[in-house]
N, C-alpha and C. Protein backbone atom coordinates (compact mmCIF):
# COMPACT_ATOMS: atom_id res chain seq x y z
N MET A 1 18.41 15.75 9.64
CA MET A 1 19.12 16.74 10.43
C MET A 1 18.09 17.64 11.08
N ALA A 2 18.31 18.04 12.32
CA ALA A 2 17.33 18.80 13.08
C ALA A 2 17.80 20.22 13.33
N LEU A 3 16.92 20.96 13.95
CA LEU A 3 17.18 22.32 14.37
C LEU A 3 18.49 22.40 15.16
N PRO A 4 19.31 23.40 14.91
CA PRO A 4 20.55 23.53 15.70
C PRO A 4 20.25 23.58 17.19
N LYS A 5 21.07 22.89 17.97
CA LYS A 5 20.82 22.76 19.40
C LYS A 5 20.73 24.09 20.14
N SER A 6 21.43 25.12 19.68
CA SER A 6 21.43 26.40 20.39
C SER A 6 20.04 27.02 20.45
N SER A 7 19.13 26.60 19.57
CA SER A 7 17.78 27.15 19.54
C SER A 7 16.76 26.23 20.21
N GLU A 8 17.20 25.11 20.71
CA GLU A 8 16.27 24.12 21.21
C GLU A 8 15.88 24.37 22.67
N THR A 9 14.66 23.96 22.96
CA THR A 9 14.14 23.99 24.33
C THR A 9 13.94 22.55 24.77
N ASP A 10 13.60 22.33 26.02
CA ASP A 10 13.30 20.97 26.47
C ASP A 10 12.18 20.36 25.64
N ARG A 11 11.19 21.18 25.29
CA ARG A 11 10.06 20.69 24.49
C ARG A 11 10.52 20.27 23.09
N THR A 12 11.33 21.10 22.43
CA THR A 12 11.77 20.72 21.08
C THR A 12 12.73 19.54 21.12
N ILE A 13 13.51 19.41 22.18
CA ILE A 13 14.38 18.23 22.32
C ILE A 13 13.52 16.98 22.43
N HIS A 14 12.46 17.05 23.23
CA HIS A 14 11.51 15.94 23.36
C HIS A 14 10.92 15.58 22.00
N LEU A 15 10.46 16.59 21.27
CA LEU A 15 9.85 16.36 19.96
C LEU A 15 10.87 15.79 18.97
N ARG A 16 12.07 16.33 19.00
CA ARG A 16 13.12 15.85 18.10
C ARG A 16 13.44 14.38 18.36
N LYS A 17 13.45 13.98 19.63
CA LYS A 17 13.73 12.58 19.97
C LYS A 17 12.65 11.66 19.41
N ILE A 18 11.41 12.12 19.42
CA ILE A 18 10.33 11.33 18.82
C ILE A 18 10.62 11.13 17.33
N VAL A 19 11.01 12.21 16.66
CA VAL A 19 11.31 12.14 15.22
C VAL A 19 12.48 11.20 14.98
N GLU A 20 13.51 11.31 15.77
CA GLU A 20 14.72 10.51 15.56
C GLU A 20 14.49 9.03 15.77
N THR A 21 13.45 8.66 16.52
CA THR A 21 13.15 7.24 16.74
C THR A 21 12.02 6.74 15.84
N THR A 22 11.61 7.57 14.90
CA THR A 22 10.54 7.21 13.98
C THR A 22 11.10 7.24 12.56
N GLY A 23 10.77 6.27 11.77
CA GLY A 23 11.24 6.22 10.39
C GLY A 23 10.60 7.30 9.53
N THR A 24 11.29 7.67 8.47
CA THR A 24 10.80 8.71 7.56
C THR A 24 9.44 8.35 6.97
N GLU A 25 9.27 7.10 6.54
CA GLU A 25 7.98 6.70 5.97
C GLU A 25 6.85 6.84 6.98
N ALA A 26 7.12 6.49 8.23
CA ALA A 26 6.09 6.63 9.27
C ALA A 26 5.76 8.11 9.50
N ILE A 27 6.78 8.95 9.50
CA ILE A 27 6.56 10.39 9.70
C ILE A 27 5.71 10.95 8.56
N LEU A 28 6.00 10.53 7.34
CA LEU A 28 5.23 11.03 6.20
C LEU A 28 3.77 10.59 6.25
N SER A 29 3.48 9.56 7.04
CA SER A 29 2.09 9.13 7.19
C SER A 29 1.41 9.79 8.39
N TRP A 30 2.13 10.61 9.14
CA TRP A 30 1.52 11.34 10.25
C TRP A 30 0.42 12.25 9.69
N PRO A 31 -0.49 12.71 10.55
CA PRO A 31 -1.58 13.57 10.07
C PRO A 31 -1.07 14.84 9.39
N LYS A 32 -1.78 15.20 8.34
CA LYS A 32 -1.47 16.47 7.66
C LYS A 32 -1.99 17.63 8.50
N ALA A 33 -1.54 18.82 8.16
CA ALA A 33 -2.00 20.02 8.86
C ALA A 33 -3.52 20.14 8.72
N THR A 34 -4.15 20.59 9.79
CA THR A 34 -5.60 20.79 9.78
C THR A 34 -5.93 22.10 9.08
N ASP A 35 -7.20 22.31 8.82
CA ASP A 35 -7.62 23.59 8.24
C ASP A 35 -7.24 24.75 9.17
N GLU A 36 -7.35 24.53 10.47
CA GLU A 36 -6.95 25.56 11.44
C GLU A 36 -5.45 25.84 11.34
N ASP A 37 -4.65 24.80 11.21
CA ASP A 37 -3.20 24.97 11.04
C ASP A 37 -2.90 25.76 9.78
N LEU A 38 -3.56 25.37 8.68
CA LEU A 38 -3.31 26.04 7.41
C LEU A 38 -3.72 27.52 7.48
N ALA A 39 -4.79 27.81 8.21
CA ALA A 39 -5.19 29.22 8.39
C ALA A 39 -4.13 29.98 9.18
N LEU A 40 -3.55 29.34 10.19
CA LEU A 40 -2.46 29.95 10.96
C LEU A 40 -1.26 30.23 10.06
N PHE A 41 -0.87 29.24 9.27
CA PHE A 41 0.28 29.40 8.38
C PHE A 41 0.02 30.50 7.35
N ALA A 42 -1.19 30.52 6.81
CA ALA A 42 -1.55 31.57 5.84
C ALA A 42 -1.51 32.94 6.50
N ARG A 43 -1.92 33.02 7.74
CA ARG A 43 -1.88 34.30 8.45
C ARG A 43 -0.44 34.78 8.62
N ILE A 44 0.45 33.87 8.97
CA ILE A 44 1.86 34.23 9.12
C ILE A 44 2.42 34.73 7.79
N ILE A 45 2.15 34.00 6.72
CA ILE A 45 2.65 34.39 5.40
C ILE A 45 2.06 35.74 4.98
N THR A 46 0.77 35.93 5.22
CA THR A 46 0.12 37.19 4.83
C THR A 46 0.67 38.38 5.61
N ILE A 47 0.88 38.19 6.90
CA ILE A 47 1.46 39.28 7.70
C ILE A 47 2.84 39.63 7.15
N TYR A 48 3.64 38.61 6.83
CA TYR A 48 4.96 38.89 6.29
C TYR A 48 4.91 39.53 4.91
N SER A 49 3.89 39.22 4.14
CA SER A 49 3.74 39.91 2.85
C SER A 49 3.54 41.40 3.09
N GLY A 50 2.76 41.74 4.11
CA GLY A 50 2.56 43.15 4.46
C GLY A 50 3.84 43.80 4.97
N ILE A 51 4.58 43.08 5.81
CA ILE A 51 5.85 43.60 6.30
C ILE A 51 6.81 43.84 5.13
N ASP A 52 6.90 42.86 4.24
CA ASP A 52 7.80 42.99 3.09
C ASP A 52 7.40 44.15 2.18
N PHE A 53 6.09 44.33 1.98
CA PHE A 53 5.62 45.46 1.17
C PHE A 53 6.06 46.78 1.81
N ALA A 54 5.84 46.90 3.12
CA ALA A 54 6.22 48.13 3.82
C ALA A 54 7.73 48.36 3.75
N LEU A 55 8.51 47.28 3.92
CA LEU A 55 9.97 47.43 3.85
C LEU A 55 10.43 47.84 2.46
N ARG A 56 9.86 47.24 1.43
CA ARG A 56 10.24 47.63 0.06
C ARG A 56 9.85 49.08 -0.23
N TYR A 57 8.67 49.46 0.22
CA TYR A 57 8.21 50.84 0.04
C TYR A 57 9.15 51.80 0.77
N MET A 58 9.52 51.43 1.99
CA MET A 58 10.43 52.24 2.77
C MET A 58 11.79 52.36 2.08
N ALA A 59 12.30 51.26 1.56
CA ALA A 59 13.60 51.29 0.86
C ALA A 59 13.53 52.22 -0.35
N GLU A 60 12.42 52.16 -1.07
CA GLU A 60 12.25 53.03 -2.25
C GLU A 60 12.24 54.50 -1.84
N ILE A 61 11.50 54.84 -0.80
CA ILE A 61 11.46 56.22 -0.31
C ILE A 61 12.85 56.67 0.12
N MET A 62 13.52 55.82 0.88
CA MET A 62 14.85 56.17 1.36
C MET A 62 15.83 56.33 0.21
N ASP A 63 15.75 55.45 -0.77
CA ASP A 63 16.63 55.54 -1.94
C ASP A 63 16.39 56.85 -2.69
N ASN A 64 15.12 57.19 -2.91
CA ASN A 64 14.77 58.42 -3.63
C ASN A 64 15.16 59.68 -2.88
N ASN A 65 15.29 59.57 -1.54
CA ASN A 65 15.65 60.74 -0.74
C ASN A 65 17.12 60.74 -0.30
N GLY A 66 17.93 59.85 -0.89
CA GLY A 66 19.37 59.84 -0.58
C GLY A 66 19.68 59.45 0.85
N MET A 67 18.85 58.59 1.44
CA MET A 67 19.01 58.24 2.85
C MET A 67 19.75 56.92 3.07
N LEU A 68 20.09 56.22 2.00
CA LEU A 68 20.79 54.94 2.14
C LEU A 68 22.28 55.16 1.97
N SER A 69 23.08 54.22 2.47
CA SER A 69 24.51 54.33 2.23
C SER A 69 24.75 54.22 0.72
N ASP A 70 25.83 54.79 0.28
CA ASP A 70 26.12 54.86 -1.16
C ASP A 70 26.12 53.49 -1.84
N SER A 71 26.52 52.45 -1.13
CA SER A 71 26.60 51.13 -1.74
C SER A 71 25.23 50.57 -2.14
N TRP A 72 24.14 51.13 -1.60
CA TRP A 72 22.79 50.66 -1.92
C TRP A 72 22.04 51.60 -2.85
N THR A 73 22.56 52.78 -3.09
CA THR A 73 21.86 53.78 -3.88
C THR A 73 21.54 53.26 -5.28
N GLY A 74 20.27 53.39 -5.66
CA GLY A 74 19.81 53.00 -6.98
C GLY A 74 19.61 51.51 -7.19
N LYS A 75 19.76 50.71 -6.16
CA LYS A 75 19.68 49.26 -6.31
C LYS A 75 18.47 48.63 -5.65
N THR A 76 17.69 49.39 -4.92
CA THR A 76 16.68 48.79 -4.04
C THR A 76 15.60 48.01 -4.77
N THR A 77 15.27 48.36 -5.99
CA THR A 77 14.20 47.65 -6.69
C THR A 77 14.60 46.24 -7.12
N LYS A 78 15.90 45.95 -7.09
CA LYS A 78 16.39 44.66 -7.57
C LYS A 78 16.84 43.72 -6.44
N LEU A 79 16.63 44.12 -5.20
CA LEU A 79 17.16 43.37 -4.07
C LEU A 79 16.18 42.34 -3.52
N ASN A 80 16.71 41.21 -2.99
CA ASN A 80 15.85 40.29 -2.25
C ASN A 80 15.56 40.90 -0.88
N MET A 81 14.67 40.28 -0.12
CA MET A 81 14.23 40.89 1.14
C MET A 81 15.37 41.03 2.15
N TYR A 82 16.27 40.10 2.20
CA TYR A 82 17.40 40.21 3.12
C TYR A 82 18.21 41.46 2.80
N LYS A 83 18.48 41.67 1.53
CA LYS A 83 19.28 42.83 1.13
C LYS A 83 18.49 44.14 1.25
N VAL A 84 17.17 44.08 1.04
CA VAL A 84 16.34 45.28 1.25
C VAL A 84 16.50 45.74 2.70
N THR A 85 16.43 44.79 3.62
CA THR A 85 16.57 45.14 5.04
C THR A 85 17.96 45.68 5.33
N GLN A 86 18.98 45.07 4.73
CA GLN A 86 20.35 45.59 4.91
C GLN A 86 20.45 47.02 4.39
N ALA A 87 19.86 47.27 3.24
CA ALA A 87 19.90 48.62 2.66
C ALA A 87 19.23 49.62 3.60
N ILE A 88 18.05 49.29 4.07
CA ILE A 88 17.32 50.18 4.99
C ILE A 88 18.16 50.43 6.24
N ARG A 89 18.72 49.38 6.78
CA ARG A 89 19.49 49.51 8.01
C ARG A 89 20.80 50.26 7.81
N SER A 90 21.22 50.46 6.56
CA SER A 90 22.46 51.18 6.29
C SER A 90 22.35 52.66 6.63
N SER A 91 21.14 53.16 6.75
CA SER A 91 20.94 54.56 7.08
C SER A 91 21.32 54.83 8.53
N LYS A 92 21.77 56.03 8.77
CA LYS A 92 22.18 56.43 10.12
C LYS A 92 21.01 56.97 10.94
N ILE A 93 19.79 56.91 10.41
CA ILE A 93 18.65 57.52 11.12
C ILE A 93 18.07 56.63 12.21
N TRP A 94 18.45 55.36 12.25
CA TRP A 94 17.79 54.42 13.16
C TRP A 94 18.41 54.44 14.55
N ASN A 95 17.56 54.26 15.55
CA ASN A 95 18.03 54.16 16.93
C ASN A 95 18.01 52.69 17.37
N ASP A 96 18.33 52.43 18.63
CA ASP A 96 18.38 51.05 19.13
C ASP A 96 17.03 50.36 19.07
N GLY A 97 15.95 51.10 19.29
CA GLY A 97 14.61 50.53 19.20
C GLY A 97 14.28 50.07 17.79
N HIS A 98 14.66 50.89 16.81
CA HIS A 98 14.48 50.50 15.41
C HIS A 98 15.30 49.24 15.10
N ALA A 99 16.55 49.23 15.56
CA ALA A 99 17.42 48.08 15.30
C ALA A 99 16.82 46.81 15.89
N ALA A 100 16.26 46.91 17.09
CA ALA A 100 15.64 45.74 17.72
C ALA A 100 14.44 45.25 16.91
N ALA A 101 13.64 46.17 16.39
CA ALA A 101 12.48 45.79 15.57
C ALA A 101 12.94 45.14 14.27
N PHE A 102 13.94 45.70 13.61
CA PHE A 102 14.46 45.09 12.39
C PHE A 102 15.02 43.69 12.68
N ASN A 103 15.71 43.53 13.82
CA ASN A 103 16.22 42.21 14.20
C ASN A 103 15.08 41.22 14.40
N ALA A 104 14.01 41.66 15.04
CA ALA A 104 12.85 40.78 15.28
C ALA A 104 12.19 40.38 13.96
N ILE A 105 12.10 41.32 13.04
CA ILE A 105 11.52 41.01 11.73
C ILE A 105 12.33 39.91 11.05
N GLU A 106 13.63 40.04 11.05
CA GLU A 106 14.47 39.03 10.39
C GLU A 106 14.47 37.71 11.15
N GLU A 107 14.44 37.76 12.47
CA GLU A 107 14.40 36.52 13.26
C GLU A 107 13.11 35.75 12.97
N HIS A 108 11.99 36.44 12.99
CA HIS A 108 10.70 35.77 12.78
C HIS A 108 10.44 35.43 11.32
N ARG A 109 11.19 36.02 10.41
CA ARG A 109 11.06 35.67 9.00
C ARG A 109 11.35 34.17 8.81
N ARG A 110 12.16 33.61 9.67
CA ARG A 110 12.45 32.18 9.59
C ARG A 110 11.17 31.36 9.71
N VAL A 111 10.27 31.79 10.58
CA VAL A 111 8.99 31.08 10.74
C VAL A 111 8.20 31.19 9.44
N ARG A 112 8.17 32.36 8.86
CA ARG A 112 7.47 32.55 7.59
C ARG A 112 8.03 31.61 6.53
N ASN A 113 9.35 31.54 6.45
CA ASN A 113 9.98 30.67 5.46
C ASN A 113 9.70 29.19 5.76
N LEU A 114 9.65 28.85 7.02
CA LEU A 114 9.34 27.48 7.43
C LEU A 114 7.95 27.07 6.96
N VAL A 115 6.94 27.88 7.24
CA VAL A 115 5.57 27.52 6.87
C VAL A 115 5.34 27.64 5.37
N ALA A 116 6.14 28.42 4.68
CA ALA A 116 5.95 28.62 3.24
C ALA A 116 6.72 27.63 2.38
N HIS A 117 7.82 27.08 2.87
CA HIS A 117 8.70 26.28 2.02
C HIS A 117 8.90 24.84 2.46
N PHE A 118 8.42 24.47 3.63
CA PHE A 118 8.63 23.11 4.13
C PHE A 118 7.31 22.35 4.12
N ILE A 119 7.37 21.03 3.95
CA ILE A 119 6.20 20.19 4.10
C ILE A 119 5.94 20.01 5.60
N VAL A 120 4.69 19.92 5.97
CA VAL A 120 4.36 19.85 7.40
C VAL A 120 3.52 18.62 7.70
N ARG A 121 3.77 18.07 8.86
CA ARG A 121 2.93 17.01 9.42
C ARG A 121 2.73 17.33 10.90
N ARG A 122 1.63 16.83 11.42
CA ARG A 122 1.34 16.96 12.85
C ARG A 122 1.86 15.73 13.58
N PHE A 123 2.38 15.92 14.76
CA PHE A 123 2.72 14.77 15.61
C PHE A 123 1.41 14.07 15.97
N PRO A 124 1.38 12.74 15.94
CA PRO A 124 0.13 12.03 16.22
C PRO A 124 -0.38 12.22 17.65
N ALA A 125 0.52 12.31 18.63
CA ALA A 125 0.10 12.37 20.03
C ALA A 125 0.56 13.64 20.74
N GLU A 126 0.94 14.64 19.97
CA GLU A 126 1.44 15.91 20.54
C GLU A 126 0.81 17.05 19.76
N ASP A 127 0.61 18.19 20.42
CA ASP A 127 0.15 19.39 19.71
C ASP A 127 1.39 20.10 19.17
N ALA A 128 1.93 19.51 18.11
CA ALA A 128 3.21 19.98 17.58
C ALA A 128 3.30 19.62 16.10
N TYR A 129 4.26 20.28 15.43
CA TYR A 129 4.47 20.08 14.01
C TYR A 129 5.90 19.63 13.74
N ILE A 130 6.05 18.89 12.65
CA ILE A 130 7.36 18.66 12.07
C ILE A 130 7.32 19.28 10.68
N PHE A 131 8.32 20.10 10.38
CA PHE A 131 8.47 20.72 9.06
C PHE A 131 9.68 20.06 8.41
N MET A 132 9.50 19.59 7.17
CA MET A 132 10.56 18.84 6.50
C MET A 132 10.84 19.43 5.12
N THR A 133 12.10 19.29 4.71
CA THR A 133 12.50 19.71 3.37
C THR A 133 13.65 18.83 2.90
N LYS A 134 13.85 18.80 1.62
CA LYS A 134 15.04 18.19 1.03
C LYS A 134 15.92 19.27 0.42
N SER A 135 15.52 20.53 0.58
CA SER A 135 16.28 21.64 0.02
C SER A 135 17.26 22.17 1.06
N ALA A 136 18.54 21.98 0.80
CA ALA A 136 19.56 22.50 1.71
C ALA A 136 19.51 24.03 1.78
N ALA A 137 19.18 24.68 0.66
CA ALA A 137 19.11 26.15 0.64
C ALA A 137 17.98 26.65 1.54
N ASP A 138 16.80 26.01 1.46
CA ASP A 138 15.70 26.41 2.34
C ASP A 138 16.04 26.15 3.79
N PHE A 139 16.67 25.02 4.07
CA PHE A 139 17.06 24.69 5.44
C PHE A 139 18.01 25.74 6.00
N GLU A 140 19.00 26.10 5.19
CA GLU A 140 19.97 27.10 5.64
C GLU A 140 19.30 28.46 5.87
N GLN A 141 18.35 28.83 5.01
CA GLN A 141 17.67 30.11 5.16
C GLN A 141 16.89 30.17 6.48
N VAL A 142 16.28 29.06 6.86
CA VAL A 142 15.48 29.04 8.09
C VAL A 142 16.36 28.88 9.32
N TYR A 143 17.34 27.96 9.27
CA TYR A 143 18.10 27.60 10.46
C TYR A 143 19.50 28.17 10.52
N GLY A 144 19.96 28.81 9.45
CA GLY A 144 21.26 29.47 9.49
C GLY A 144 22.45 28.53 9.43
N ALA A 145 22.22 27.29 9.05
CA ALA A 145 23.32 26.33 8.94
C ALA A 145 23.03 25.39 7.78
N LEU A 146 24.09 24.98 7.10
CA LEU A 146 23.92 23.99 6.03
C LEU A 146 23.76 22.61 6.65
N PRO A 147 22.86 21.81 6.11
CA PRO A 147 22.66 20.46 6.65
C PRO A 147 23.72 19.49 6.11
N GLU A 148 23.79 18.35 6.77
CA GLU A 148 24.62 17.28 6.24
C GLU A 148 23.91 16.69 5.03
N PRO A 149 24.66 16.24 4.04
CA PRO A 149 24.02 15.70 2.83
C PRO A 149 23.26 14.40 3.10
N ASP A 150 22.28 14.13 2.23
CA ASP A 150 21.53 12.88 2.23
C ASP A 150 20.70 12.64 3.48
N ASN A 151 20.30 13.66 4.17
CA ASN A 151 19.44 13.52 5.34
C ASN A 151 18.09 14.17 5.06
N MET A 152 17.07 13.68 5.76
CA MET A 152 15.81 14.39 5.76
C MET A 152 16.05 15.60 6.67
N LEU A 153 15.77 16.76 6.18
CA LEU A 153 16.02 17.99 6.92
C LEU A 153 14.72 18.38 7.61
N PHE A 154 14.76 18.58 8.91
CA PHE A 154 13.51 18.86 9.61
C PHE A 154 13.71 19.82 10.77
N GLY A 155 12.62 20.43 11.14
CA GLY A 155 12.54 21.23 12.34
C GLY A 155 11.23 20.90 13.02
N VAL A 156 11.21 21.00 14.32
CA VAL A 156 10.00 20.72 15.08
C VAL A 156 9.61 21.96 15.86
N THR A 157 8.31 22.13 16.06
CA THR A 157 7.85 23.26 16.86
C THR A 157 6.54 22.91 17.54
N ASP A 158 6.37 23.44 18.69
CA ASP A 158 5.14 23.28 19.46
C ASP A 158 4.06 24.16 18.83
N ALA A 159 2.86 23.64 18.68
CA ALA A 159 1.78 24.41 18.05
C ALA A 159 1.42 25.65 18.86
N VAL A 160 1.47 25.55 20.17
CA VAL A 160 1.17 26.72 21.01
C VAL A 160 2.16 27.83 20.74
N GLN A 161 3.43 27.46 20.60
CA GLN A 161 4.46 28.44 20.29
C GLN A 161 4.21 29.08 18.93
N MET A 162 3.81 28.28 17.97
CA MET A 162 3.53 28.80 16.62
C MET A 162 2.36 29.78 16.66
N ARG A 163 1.30 29.43 17.38
CA ARG A 163 0.16 30.34 17.50
C ARG A 163 0.54 31.62 18.25
N GLY A 164 1.46 31.50 19.19
CA GLY A 164 1.88 32.64 19.99
C GLY A 164 2.67 33.69 19.23
N ILE A 165 3.12 33.36 18.04
CA ILE A 165 3.90 34.33 17.27
C ILE A 165 3.00 35.40 16.65
N ILE A 166 1.72 35.12 16.49
CA ILE A 166 0.82 36.06 15.81
C ILE A 166 0.80 37.44 16.47
N PRO A 167 0.62 37.57 17.78
CA PRO A 167 0.64 38.92 18.37
C PRO A 167 1.96 39.66 18.14
N VAL A 168 3.06 38.93 18.15
CA VAL A 168 4.37 39.54 17.89
C VAL A 168 4.41 40.08 16.46
N LEU A 169 3.97 39.26 15.50
CA LEU A 169 3.98 39.68 14.10
C LEU A 169 3.04 40.85 13.86
N LEU A 170 1.89 40.84 14.52
CA LEU A 170 0.96 41.97 14.37
C LEU A 170 1.57 43.26 14.89
N GLY A 171 2.32 43.17 15.99
CA GLY A 171 3.03 44.35 16.49
C GLY A 171 4.09 44.83 15.52
N LEU A 172 4.81 43.90 14.92
CA LEU A 172 5.86 44.27 13.95
C LEU A 172 5.27 44.89 12.69
N ILE A 173 4.16 44.35 12.19
CA ILE A 173 3.58 44.94 10.98
C ILE A 173 2.99 46.31 11.29
N SER A 174 2.44 46.47 12.48
CA SER A 174 1.91 47.79 12.85
C SER A 174 3.05 48.81 12.89
N TRP A 175 4.16 48.45 13.52
CA TRP A 175 5.31 49.34 13.60
C TRP A 175 5.86 49.63 12.20
N CYS A 176 6.06 48.57 11.44
CA CYS A 176 6.68 48.69 10.12
C CYS A 176 5.80 49.50 9.15
N SER A 177 4.50 49.34 9.26
CA SER A 177 3.58 50.02 8.35
C SER A 177 3.56 51.53 8.55
N LYS A 178 3.95 52.00 9.71
CA LYS A 178 3.98 53.44 9.98
C LYS A 178 5.23 54.12 9.43
N LEU A 179 6.30 53.37 9.26
CA LEU A 179 7.57 53.97 8.86
C LEU A 179 7.56 54.61 7.47
N PRO A 180 6.98 53.97 6.44
CA PRO A 180 6.99 54.64 5.13
C PRO A 180 6.27 55.99 5.16
N GLY A 181 5.19 56.11 5.90
CA GLY A 181 4.49 57.39 6.01
C GLY A 181 5.36 58.44 6.68
N ASP A 182 6.08 58.02 7.71
CA ASP A 182 6.99 58.95 8.38
C ASP A 182 8.11 59.39 7.44
N LEU A 183 8.59 58.47 6.61
CA LEU A 183 9.69 58.79 5.71
C LEU A 183 9.26 59.58 4.48
N SER A 184 7.97 59.56 4.15
CA SER A 184 7.51 60.26 2.94
C SER A 184 7.46 61.77 3.15
N ARG A 185 7.55 62.20 4.40
CA ARG A 185 7.66 63.63 4.66
C ARG A 185 9.09 64.07 4.33
N PRO A 186 9.27 65.33 4.02
CA PRO A 186 10.64 65.78 3.71
C PRO A 186 11.59 65.48 4.87
N ILE A 187 12.63 64.77 4.58
CA ILE A 187 13.63 64.40 5.59
C ILE A 187 14.99 64.78 5.05
N GLN A 188 15.78 65.35 5.89
CA GLN A 188 17.14 65.69 5.50
C GLN A 188 18.04 64.51 5.77
N ARG A 189 18.93 64.25 4.85
CA ARG A 189 19.89 63.16 5.05
C ARG A 189 20.79 63.50 6.22
N PRO A 190 20.92 62.57 7.17
CA PRO A 190 21.78 62.82 8.33
C PRO A 190 23.24 62.96 7.88
N SER A 191 23.96 63.80 8.61
CA SER A 191 25.37 63.99 8.24
C SER A 191 26.27 63.12 9.05
């Protein structure tokens, strides 16, 4: 099963067609990720570790200062990252720019989950990757849809596109890293 069509580009459709006409055993024999690829994936994961640290720290500050909606109060230390973000966003202090940044963090988290939880191979004649899993839960977390049973679950991406995400992630971590410092100053709960 492949990436949902609503997210596909002409390039990913081309790559997906290559996968669909190639047997699973042949795909598994495609080249493994290079050291450069692995460094890129590690960079994405590391940036997200920083984003997640800042978000958890922010949630803790907000919880301690009564800035979260009542349904999240006292629970932030036990939440997964999706729920941490929901808790943070429950506050009325955020504007549309903040909302857009939080949306971008969650949208790009899919890439982090892809490089961290899926097996990867390089296309033999394309500067592109195929990410594969047999975990329906991981597939759903990345692509937002449950796969059909008994299929190899995969997503394809152009390597240039993958490398292009780094400046976006660096901007998000820079923005996110400033928020806990801003929140650690005395803030009154909005009415």
